[in-house]
């Protein structure tokens, strides 16, 4: 049985593992190896994740984890970007656990937290061509709003992200 809860320090290694596996699975065909390695090294290392578990606030609500028998099988987090606007910053699953409803449960947990903080609008950025995420978000009411350079792209890369928004 899957349970969703706020991450604790003991979940940092599991979050790092899930995010690393999911990044390779998602972006292998969309981004360079150098880009994937750079993103994983910067954002999904245990030290950073542990700090993000321990220090939360309005702009970063902390990590939520999907647990099965104590093992992390998914992770998500977001925060408020404006008075009434929120962002989903991260939502990844163990690639072997897709299409089980786990992503929906994580999205709902982050969304409830954001609604409690006053959010009426929610944003998410999705890599152009990411057919794992685009249908997921569109099915849940997100609509494409704009396109922008991918966060984390170097000057030599020209990766694009699609900005999606939904009203809560």
Protein backbone atom coordinates (compact mmCIF):
# COMPACT_ATOMS: atom_id res chain seq x y z
CA UNK A 1 0.00 0.00 0.00
CA UNK A 2 1.26 3.47 -0.92
CA UNK A 3 1.28 6.21 1.70
CA UNK A 4 2.02 9.88 1.04
CA UNK A 5 3.71 11.92 3.75
CA UNK A 6 6.06 14.82 4.31
CA UNK A 7 9.62 13.62 3.88
CA UNK A 8 11.83 13.05 6.89
CA UNK A 9 15.65 13.03 6.95
CA UNK A 10 15.71 9.24 6.57
CA UNK A 11 14.01 9.63 3.16
CA UNK A 12 16.79 11.76 1.59
CA UNK A 13 18.65 8.80 0.02
CA UNK A 14 15.42 7.38 -1.41
CA UNK A 15 14.41 10.75 -2.88
CA UNK A 16 17.84 11.13 -4.47
CA UNK A 17 17.63 7.62 -5.93
CA UNK A 18 14.12 8.05 -7.36
CA UNK A 19 14.90 11.47 -8.84
CA UNK A 20 18.15 10.19 -10.39
CA UNK A 21 16.50 7.13 -11.97
CA UNK A 22 13.54 9.18 -13.20
CA UNK A 23 15.77 11.86 -14.71
CA UNK A 24 17.70 9.32 -16.76
CA UNK A 25 14.49 7.56 -17.78
CA UNK A 26 12.71 10.78 -18.73
CA UNK A 27 15.46 12.81 -20.36
CA UNK A 28 17.75 10.19 -21.95
CA UNK A 29 16.22 10.87 -25.38
CA UNK A 30 15.53 14.59 -24.80
CA UNK A 31 18.69 16.03 -23.27
CA UNK A 32 22.46 15.51 -23.43
CA UNK A 33 24.19 13.28 -20.90
CA UNK A 34 26.09 16.33 -19.66
CA UNK A 35 22.81 18.17 -19.00
CA UNK A 36 21.28 15.22 -17.11
CA UNK A 37 24.41 14.70 -15.02
CA UNK A 38 24.60 18.44 -14.23
CA UNK A 39 20.95 18.58 -13.09
CA UNK A 40 21.26 15.43 -10.97
CA UNK A 41 24.49 16.62 -9.37
CA UNK A 42 23.05 20.04 -8.51
CA UNK A 43 19.49 19.24 -7.47
CA UNK A 44 19.23 15.58 -6.52
CA UNK A 45 22.21 15.00 -4.26
CA UNK A 46 21.48 13.78 -0.73
CA UNK A 47 23.07 16.78 0.97
CA UNK A 48 20.83 19.28 -0.83
CA UNK A 49 17.74 17.11 -0.40
CA UNK A 50 18.40 16.75 3.32
CA UNK A 51 18.62 20.56 3.65
CA UNK A 52 15.37 20.90 1.67
CA UNK A 53 13.68 18.41 4.00
CA UNK A 54 14.81 20.29 7.08
CA UNK A 55 14.22 23.86 5.88
CA UNK A 56 10.80 24.60 4.47
CA UNK A 57 8.65 27.67 4.19
CA UNK A 58 6.21 29.43 1.92
CA UNK A 59 8.42 29.43 -1.20
CA UNK A 60 9.49 25.79 -0.71
CA UNK A 61 6.90 23.65 1.04
CA UNK A 62 9.23 20.70 1.39
CA UNK A 63 9.35 17.24 -0.08
CA UNK A 64 6.44 14.82 -0.09
CA UNK A 65 7.24 11.15 -0.54
CA UNK A 66 5.27 8.16 -1.73
CA UNK A 67 6.26 5.23 0.43
CA UNK A 68 5.68 1.52 0.02
CA UNK A 69 6.87 -0.61 2.92
CA UNK A 70 9.13 2.26 3.97
CA UNK A 71 10.76 2.61 0.55
CA UNK A 72 10.52 5.84 -1.45
CA UNK A 73 8.82 5.15 -4.80
CA UNK A 74 8.02 8.78 -5.66
CA UNK A 75 8.73 12.33 -4.53
CA UNK A 76 7.32 15.78 -5.19
CA UNK A 77 7.54 19.33 -3.93
CA UNK A 78 6.53 22.87 -4.71
CA UNK A 79 5.98 26.28 -3.25
CA UNK A 80 4.25 29.61 -3.47
CA UNK A 81 5.63 32.03 -6.06
CA UNK A 82 3.16 34.87 -5.56
CA UNK A 83 0.43 35.72 -3.04
CA UNK A 84 -2.07 33.37 -4.73
CA UNK A 85 0.11 31.48 -7.21
CA UNK A 86 2.02 28.26 -6.69
CA UNK A 87 4.46 26.09 -8.61
CA UNK A 88 5.08 22.36 -8.78
CA UNK A 89 8.88 22.29 -8.81
CA UNK A 90 9.46 18.55 -8.87
CA UNK A 91 7.45 15.35 -9.25
CA UNK A 92 9.24 12.09 -10.02
CA UNK A 93 8.45 8.41 -9.65
CA UNK A 94 10.49 5.27 -9.80
CA UNK A 95 10.19 4.55 -13.55
CA UNK A 96 8.92 1.03 -12.83
CA UNK A 97 6.00 2.50 -10.83
CA UNK A 98 4.37 4.71 -13.45
CA UNK A 99 0.62 4.47 -14.17
CA UNK A 100 -0.30 3.30 -10.66
CA UNK A 101 -1.81 6.58 -9.45
CA UNK A 102 1.23 7.49 -7.35
CA UNK A 103 1.94 10.69 -9.29
CA UNK A 104 -1.66 11.79 -8.83
CA UNK A 105 -1.44 11.20 -5.07
CA UNK A 106 1.77 13.24 -4.85
CA UNK A 107 0.31 16.06 -6.97
CA UNK A 108 -2.77 16.13 -4.73
CA UNK A 109 -0.63 16.35 -1.57
CA UNK A 110 1.39 19.31 -2.88
CA UNK A 111 -1.77 20.96 -4.25
CA UNK A 112 -3.57 20.69 -0.91
CA UNK A 113 -0.61 22.29 0.84
CA UNK A 114 -0.60 25.13 -1.69
CA UNK A 115 -4.35 25.66 -1.50
CA UNK A 116 -4.03 25.87 2.29
CA UNK A 117 -1.52 28.70 1.73
CA UNK A 118 -4.01 30.54 -0.50
CA UNK A 119 -3.08 29.36 -3.99
CA UNK A 120 -5.77 29.72 -6.63
CA UNK A 121 -3.44 29.23 -9.61
CA UNK A 122 -0.83 26.49 -10.04
CA UNK A 123 2.07 26.35 -12.51
CA UNK A 124 4.43 23.65 -13.71
CA UNK A 125 7.24 23.61 -16.28
CA UNK A 126 7.62 20.52 -18.46
CA UNK A 127 10.46 19.80 -20.85
CA UNK A 128 9.36 20.14 -24.45
CA UNK A 129 8.83 16.62 -25.80
CA UNK A 130 8.41 15.03 -22.35
CA UNK A 131 5.61 12.63 -23.20
CA UNK A 132 5.76 11.10 -19.72
CA UNK A 133 4.72 14.39 -18.08
CA UNK A 134 2.73 16.34 -20.69
CA UNK A 135 -0.27 13.95 -20.84
CA UNK A 136 -0.17 13.58 -17.02
CA UNK A 137 -0.54 17.31 -16.41
CA UNK A 138 -2.98 17.93 -19.25
CA UNK A 139 -5.27 15.18 -17.93
CA UNK A 140 -5.28 16.97 -14.56
CA UNK A 141 -6.45 20.27 -16.02
CA UNK A 142 -3.20 22.05 -16.76
CA UNK A 143 -3.22 24.07 -19.98
CA UNK A 144 -0.23 25.23 -21.94
CA UNK A 145 0.50 28.89 -21.36
CA UNK A 146 3.90 29.64 -22.89
CA UNK A 147 7.33 28.35 -23.80
CA UNK A 148 10.61 29.42 -22.22
CA UNK A 149 14.28 28.41 -22.10
CA UNK A 150 14.77 25.36 -19.92
CA UNK A 151 15.93 26.12 -16.39
CA UNK A 152 19.44 24.78 -16.09
CA UNK A 153 20.36 24.92 -19.79
CA UNK A 154 23.83 26.18 -20.57
CA UNK A 155 24.49 28.82 -23.22
CA UNK A 156 25.43 26.06 -25.69
CA UNK A 157 22.11 24.28 -25.22
CA UNK A 158 18.77 25.50 -26.43
CA UNK A 159 16.36 23.32 -24.49
CA UNK A 160 12.81 24.59 -24.06
CA UNK A 161 10.23 24.09 -21.33
CA UNK A 162 6.50 24.38 -21.71
CA UNK A 163 4.77 26.42 -19.00
CA UNK A 164 1.47 24.94 -17.90
CA UNK A 165 -1.12 26.49 -15.59
CA UNK A 166 -4.39 25.46 -13.97
CA UNK A 167 -6.85 27.17 -11.71
CA UNK A 168 -7.38 25.53 -8.33
